[in-house]
Amino acid sequence: MSETYLSDRQLGARFGVHNLTIRRWERTDPTFPRSIKLTPGCCRWRLADILTWEAFKAKTAA
C-alpha cells in the first residue's frame, strides 16, 4: 500500500486557509504534523498524519 502525500496548497484547500498558514502552523503548533522532504525543494505531509491530527483536534475540542 502506497502512502498519500499532500502539498501545502492541498492542505490549505482542505482547511480553507492560505497555503502559508499551513507553513505557519508547522512552525508554531507543536501538535501539527511535520512535513517530509521528498526531494530538494519538495516537502509534503503524509495524509495519515493529517488524519491523526484532525482526530486529535476534534477530540480535544469536545
PDB file of N, CA and C in Angstrom:
ATOM      1  N   MET A   1       0.851  -1.189   0.000  1.00  0.00           N
ATOM      2  CA  MET A   1       0.000   0.000   0.000  1.00  0.00           C
ATOM      3  C   MET A   1       0.884   1.236   0.000  1.00  0.00           C
ATOM      4  N   SER A   2       0.660   2.135  -0.941  1.00  0.00           N
ATOM      5  CA  SER A   2       1.468   3.345  -1.014  1.00  0.00           C
ATOM      6  C   SER A   2       0.854   4.442  -0.149  1.00  0.00           C
ATOM      7  N   GLU A   3       1.723   5.305   0.311  1.00  0.00           N
ATOM      8  CA  GLU A   3       1.268   6.407   1.149  1.00  0.00           C
ATOM      9  C   GLU A   3       0.827   7.562   0.267  1.00  0.00           C
ATOM     10  N   THR A   4      -0.108   8.351   0.783  1.00  0.00           N
ATOM     11  CA  THR A   4      -0.567   9.539   0.093  1.00  0.00           C
ATOM     12  C   THR A   4       0.052  10.755   0.764  1.00  0.00           C
ATOM     13  N   TYR A   5       0.567  11.663  -0.046  1.00  0.00           N
ATOM     14  CA  TYR A   5       1.180  12.887   0.448  1.00  0.00           C
ATOM     15  C   TYR A   5       0.412  14.083  -0.089  1.00  0.00           C
ATOM     16  N   LEU A   6       0.323  15.136   0.719  1.00  0.00           N
ATOM     17  CA  LEU A   6      -0.385  16.347   0.330  1.00  0.00           C
ATOM     18  C   LEU A   6       0.559  17.542   0.368  1.00  0.00           C
ATOM     19  N   SER A   7       0.372  18.473  -0.552  1.00  0.00           N
ATOM     20  CA  SER A   7       1.157  19.699  -0.585  1.00  0.00           C
ATOM     21  C   SER A   7       0.536  20.735   0.359  1.00  0.00           C
ATOM     22  N   ASP A   8       1.260  21.830   0.574  1.00  0.00           N
ATOM     23  CA  ASP A   8       0.710  22.897   1.404  1.00  0.00           C
ATOM     24  C   ASP A   8      -0.529  23.510   0.751  1.00  0.00           C
ATOM     25  N   ARG A   9      -0.560  23.564  -0.562  1.00  0.00           N
ATOM     26  CA  ARG A   9      -1.744  24.085  -1.261  1.00  0.00           C
ATOM     27  C   ARG A   9      -2.947  23.152  -1.082  1.00  0.00           C
ATOM     28  N   GLN A  10      -2.703  21.857  -1.155  1.00  0.00           N
ATOM     29  CA  GLN A  10      -3.796  20.901  -0.949  1.00  0.00           C
ATOM     30  C   GLN A  10      -4.320  20.981   0.477  1.00  0.00           C
ATOM     31  N   LEU A  11      -3.413  21.118   1.445  1.00  0.00           N
ATOM     32  CA  LEU A  11      -3.856  21.249   2.840  1.00  0.00           C
ATOM     33  C   LEU A  11      -4.589  22.559   3.055  1.00  0.00           C
ATOM     34  N   GLY A  12      -4.113  23.624   2.440  1.00  0.00           N
ATOM     35  CA  GLY A  12      -4.800  24.904   2.535  1.00  0.00           C
ATOM     36  C   GLY A  12      -6.231  24.802   2.024  1.00  0.00           C
ATOM     37  N   ALA A  13      -6.405  24.131   0.898  1.00  0.00           N
ATOM     38  CA  ALA A  13      -7.749  23.934   0.345  1.00  0.00           C
ATOM     39  C   ALA A  13      -8.588  23.062   1.274  1.00  0.00           C
ATOM     40  N   ARG A  14      -7.984  22.066   1.860  1.00  0.00           N
ATOM     41  CA  ARG A  14      -8.695  21.154   2.775  1.00  0.00           C
ATOM     42  C   ARG A  14      -9.245  21.898   3.990  1.00  0.00           C
ATOM     43  N   PHE A  15      -8.429  22.827   4.523  1.00  0.00           N
ATOM     44  CA  PHE A  15      -8.824  23.540   5.741  1.00  0.00           C
ATOM     45  C   PHE A  15      -9.372  24.939   5.477  1.00  0.00           C
ATOM     46  N   GLY A  16      -9.416  25.349   4.229  1.00  0.00           N
ATOM     47  CA  GLY A  16      -9.960  26.664   3.889  1.00  0.00           C
ATOM     48  C   GLY A  16      -9.068  27.810   4.337  1.00  0.00           C
ATOM     49  N   VAL A  17      -7.750  27.604   4.255  1.00  0.00           N
ATOM     50  CA  VAL A  17      -6.791  28.642   4.632  1.00  0.00           C
ATOM     51  C   VAL A  17      -5.754  28.784   3.522  1.00  0.00           C
ATOM     52  N   HIS A  18      -4.981  29.847   3.591  1.00  0.00           N
ATOM     53  CA  HIS A  18      -3.902  30.058   2.622  1.00  0.00           C
ATOM     54  C   HIS A  18      -2.796  29.045   2.876  1.00  0.00           C
ATOM     55  N   ASN A  19      -2.075  28.679   1.827  1.00  0.00           N
ATOM     56  CA  ASN A  19      -1.013  27.690   1.992  1.00  0.00           C
ATOM     57  C   ASN A  19       0.091  28.166   2.937  1.00  0.00           C
ATOM     58  N   LEU A  20       0.308  29.463   3.059  1.00  0.00           N
ATOM     59  CA  LEU A  20       1.301  29.958   4.009  1.00  0.00           C
ATOM     60  C   LEU A  20       0.856  29.745   5.453  1.00  0.00           C
ATOM     61  N   THR A  21      -0.439  29.662   5.677  1.00  0.00           N
ATOM     62  CA  THR A  21      -0.947  29.350   7.016  1.00  0.00           C
ATOM     63  C   THR A  21      -0.518  27.951   7.425  1.00  0.00           C
ATOM     64  N   ILE A  22      -0.506  27.037   6.482  1.00  0.00           N
ATOM     65  CA  ILE A  22      -0.049  25.666   6.768  1.00  0.00           C
ATOM     66  C   ILE A  22       1.400  25.703   7.234  1.00  0.00           C
ATOM     67  N   ARG A  23       2.232  26.478   6.572  1.00  0.00           N
ATOM     68  CA  ARG A  23       3.639  26.611   6.968  1.00  0.00           C
ATOM     69  C   ARG A  23       3.758  27.227   8.365  1.00  0.00           C
ATOM     70  N   ARG A  24       2.909  28.216   8.643  1.00  0.00           N
ATOM     71  CA  ARG A  24       2.925  28.850   9.969  1.00  0.00           C
ATOM     72  C   ARG A  24       2.493  27.859  11.038  1.00  0.00           C
ATOM     73  N   TRP A  25       1.451  27.068  10.767  1.00  0.00           N
ATOM     74  CA  TRP A  25       1.018  26.044  11.732  1.00  0.00           C
ATOM     75  C   TRP A  25       2.154  25.079  12.029  1.00  0.00           C
ATOM     76  N   GLU A  26       2.908  24.717  10.990  1.00  0.00           N
ATOM     77  CA  GLU A  26       4.018  23.786  11.191  1.00  0.00           C
ATOM     78  C   GLU A  26       5.070  24.390  12.127  1.00  0.00           C
ATOM     79  N   ARG A  27       5.302  25.701  11.990  1.00  0.00           N
ATOM     80  CA  ARG A  27       6.300  26.366  12.836  1.00  0.00           C
ATOM     81  C   ARG A  27       5.811  26.629  14.252  1.00  0.00           C
ATOM     82  N   THR A  28       4.519  26.918  14.428  1.00  0.00           N
ATOM     83  CA  THR A  28       4.030  27.412  15.721  1.00  0.00           C
ATOM     84  C   THR A  28       3.193  26.424  16.523  1.00  0.00           C
ATOM     85  N   ASP A  29       2.588  25.439  15.880  1.00  0.00           N
ATOM     86  CA  ASP A  29       1.732  24.480  16.586  1.00  0.00           C
ATOM     87  C   ASP A  29       2.500  23.168  16.780  1.00  0.00           C
ATOM     88  N   PRO A  30       2.889  22.872  18.011  1.00  0.00           N
ATOM     89  CA  PRO A  30       3.668  21.646  18.229  1.00  0.00           C
ATOM     90  C   PRO A  30       2.908  20.358  17.915  1.00  0.00           C
ATOM     91  N   THR A  31       1.581  20.424  17.812  1.00  0.00           N
ATOM     92  CA  THR A  31       0.808  19.219  17.512  1.00  0.00           C
ATOM     93  C   THR A  31       0.644  18.997  16.006  1.00  0.00           C
ATOM     94  N   PHE A  32       0.906  20.022  15.204  1.00  0.00           N
ATOM     95  CA  PHE A  32       0.718  19.901  13.755  1.00  0.00           C
ATOM     96  C   PHE A  32       1.812  19.016  13.172  1.00  0.00           C
ATOM     97  N   PRO A  33       1.443  18.084  12.290  1.00  0.00           N
ATOM     98  CA  PRO A  33       2.438  17.176  11.707  1.00  0.00           C
ATOM     99  C   PRO A  33       3.551  17.924  10.968  1.00  0.00           C
ATOM    100  N   ARG A  34       4.725  17.376  11.020  1.00  0.00           N
ATOM    101  CA  ARG A  34       5.872  17.932  10.312  1.00  0.00           C
ATOM    102  C   ARG A  34       5.885  17.418   8.880  1.00  0.00           C
ATOM    103  N   SER A  35       6.316  18.289   7.981  1.00  0.00           N
ATOM    104  CA  SER A  35       6.406  17.897   6.580  1.00  0.00           C
ATOM    105  C   SER A  35       7.569  16.937   6.374  1.00  0.00           C
ATOM    106  N   ILE A  36       7.482  16.211   5.293  1.00  0.00           N
ATOM    107  CA  ILE A  36       8.509  15.250   4.900  1.00  0.00           C
ATOM    108  C   ILE A  36       9.184  15.807   3.648  1.00  0.00           C
ATOM    109  N   LYS A  37      10.493  15.902   3.662  1.00  0.00           N
ATOM    110  CA  LYS A  37      11.215  16.371   2.477  1.00  0.00           C
ATOM    111  C   LYS A  37      11.423  15.174   1.549  1.00  0.00           C
ATOM    112  N   LEU A  38      10.699  15.167   0.440  1.00  0.00           N
ATOM    113  CA  LEU A  38      10.773  14.053  -0.506  1.00  0.00           C
ATOM    114  C   LEU A  38      11.962  14.202  -1.447  1.00  0.00           C
ATOM    115  N   THR A  39      12.177  15.418  -1.921  1.00  0.00           N
ATOM    116  CA  THR A  39      13.328  15.748  -2.764  1.00  0.00           C
ATOM    117  C   THR A  39      13.724  17.180  -2.416  1.00  0.00           C
ATOM    118  N   PRO A  40      14.890  17.638  -2.850  1.00  0.00           N
ATOM    119  CA  PRO A  40      15.231  19.051  -2.593  1.00  0.00           C
ATOM    120  C   PRO A  40      14.151  19.969  -3.164  1.00  0.00           C
ATOM    121  N   GLY A  41      13.604  20.811  -2.329  1.00  0.00           N
ATOM    122  CA  GLY A  41      12.566  21.741  -2.764  1.00  0.00           C
ATOM    123  C   GLY A  41      11.168  21.161  -2.803  1.00  0.00           C
ATOM    124  N   CYS A  42      10.964  19.938  -2.327  1.00  0.00           N
ATOM    125  CA  CYS A  42       9.645  19.295  -2.363  1.00  0.00           C
ATOM    126  C   CYS A  42       9.309  18.714  -0.992  1.00  0.00           C
ATOM    127  N   CYS A  43       8.474  19.427  -0.258  1.00  0.00           N
ATOM    128  CA  CYS A  43       8.015  18.963   1.054  1.00  0.00           C
ATOM    129  C   CYS A  43       6.536  18.638   0.966  1.00  0.00           C
ATOM    130  N   ARG A  44       6.155  17.546   1.596  1.00  0.00           N
ATOM    131  CA  ARG A  44       4.756  17.120   1.627  1.00  0.00           C
ATOM    132  C   ARG A  44       4.414  16.595   3.019  1.00  0.00           C
ATOM    133  N   TRP A  45       3.119  16.510   3.287  1.00  0.00           N
ATOM    134  CA  TRP A  45       2.632  15.960   4.550  1.00  0.00           C
ATOM    135  C   TRP A  45       1.955  14.639   4.266  1.00  0.00           C
ATOM    136  N   ARG A  46       2.181  13.661   5.127  1.00  0.00           N
ATOM    137  CA  ARG A  46       1.501  12.366   4.987  1.00  0.00           C
ATOM    138  C   ARG A  46       0.029  12.551   5.340  1.00  0.00           C
ATOM    139  N   LEU A  47      -0.842  12.034   4.487  1.00  0.00           N
ATOM    140  CA  LEU A  47      -2.278  12.112   4.745  1.00  0.00           C
ATOM    141  C   LEU A  47      -2.618  11.426   6.059  1.00  0.00           C
ATOM    142  N   ALA A  48      -1.982  10.298   6.349  1.00  0.00           N
ATOM    143  CA  ALA A  48      -2.261   9.580   7.602  1.00  0.00           C
ATOM    144  C   ALA A  48      -1.948  10.456   8.816  1.00  0.00           C
ATOM    145  N   ASP A  49      -0.858  11.232   8.761  1.00  0.00           N
ATOM    146  CA  ASP A  49      -0.505  12.131   9.868  1.00  0.00           C
ATOM    147  C   ASP A  49      -1.540  13.245  10.019  1.00  0.00           C
ATOM    148  N   ILE A  50      -2.016  13.758   8.890  1.00  0.00           N
ATOM    149  CA  ILE A  50      -3.034  14.822   8.926  1.00  0.00           C
ATOM    150  C   ILE A  50      -4.339  14.288   9.505  1.00  0.00           C
ATOM    151  N   LEU A  51      -4.750  13.086   9.117  1.00  0.00           N
ATOM    152  CA  LEU A  51      -5.981  12.497   9.646  1.00  0.00           C
ATOM    153  C   LEU A  51      -5.876  12.278  11.159  1.00  0.00           C
ATOM    154  N   THR A  52      -4.720  11.831  11.613  1.00  0.00           N
ATOM    155  CA  THR A  52      -4.498  11.646  13.050  1.00  0.00           C
ATOM    156  C   THR A  52      -4.587  12.981  13.777  1.00  0.00           C
ATOM    157  N   TRP A  53      -3.981  14.023  13.215  1.00  0.00           N
ATOM    158  CA  TRP A  53      -4.018  15.365  13.805  1.00  0.00           C
ATOM    159  C   TRP A  53      -5.457  15.897  13.858  1.00  0.00           C
ATOM    160  N   GLU A  54      -6.224  15.687  12.785  1.00  0.00           N
ATOM    161  CA  GLU A  54      -7.625  16.126  12.761  1.00  0.00           C
ATOM    162  C   GLU A  54      -8.420  15.422  13.856  1.00  0.00           C
ATOM    163  N   ALA A  55      -8.207  14.138  14.040  1.00  0.00           N
ATOM    164  CA  ALA A  55      -8.926  13.389  15.081  1.00  0.00           C
ATOM    165  C   ALA A  55      -8.528  13.897  16.464  1.00  0.00           C
ATOM    166  N   PHE A  56      -7.240  14.187  16.653  1.00  0.00           N
ATOM    167  CA  PHE A  56      -6.770  14.734  17.929  1.00  0.00           C
ATOM    168  C   PHE A  56      -7.419  16.083  18.199  1.00  0.00           C
ATOM    169  N   LYS A  57      -7.464  16.959  17.194  1.00  0.00           N
ATOM    170  CA  LYS A  57      -8.080  18.291  17.352  1.00  0.00           C
ATOM    171  C   LYS A  57      -9.574  18.155  17.670  1.00  0.00           C
ATOM    172  N   ALA A  58     -10.256  17.235  17.011  1.00  0.00           N
ATOM    173  CA  ALA A  58     -11.689  17.047  17.244  1.00  0.00           C
ATOM    174  C   ALA A  58     -11.930  16.534  18.669  1.00  0.00           C
ATOM    175  N   LYS A  59     -11.062  15.645  19.117  1.00  0.00           N
ATOM    176  CA  LYS A  59     -11.206  15.084  20.468  1.00  0.00           C
ATOM    177  C   LYS A  59     -10.938  16.131  21.532  1.00  0.00           C
ATOM    178  N   THR A  60      -9.936  16.979  21.342  1.00  0.00           N
ATOM    179  CA  THR A  60      -9.592  17.985  22.343  1.00  0.00           C
ATOM    180  C   THR A  60     -10.561  19.172  22.309  1.00  0.00           C
ATOM    181  N   ALA A  61     -11.265  19.366  21.214  1.00  0.00           N
ATOM    182  CA  ALA A  61     -12.224  20.464  21.106  1.00  0.00           C
ATOM    183  C   ALA A  61     -13.537  20.126  21.813  1.00  0.00           C
ATOM    184  N   ALA A  62     -13.793  18.851  21.995  1.00  0.00           N
ATOM    185  CA  ALA A  62     -15.080  18.425  22.579  1.00  0.00           C
ATOM    186  C   ALA A  62     -15.115  18.614  24.078  1.00  0.00           C
TER     187      ALA A  62
END
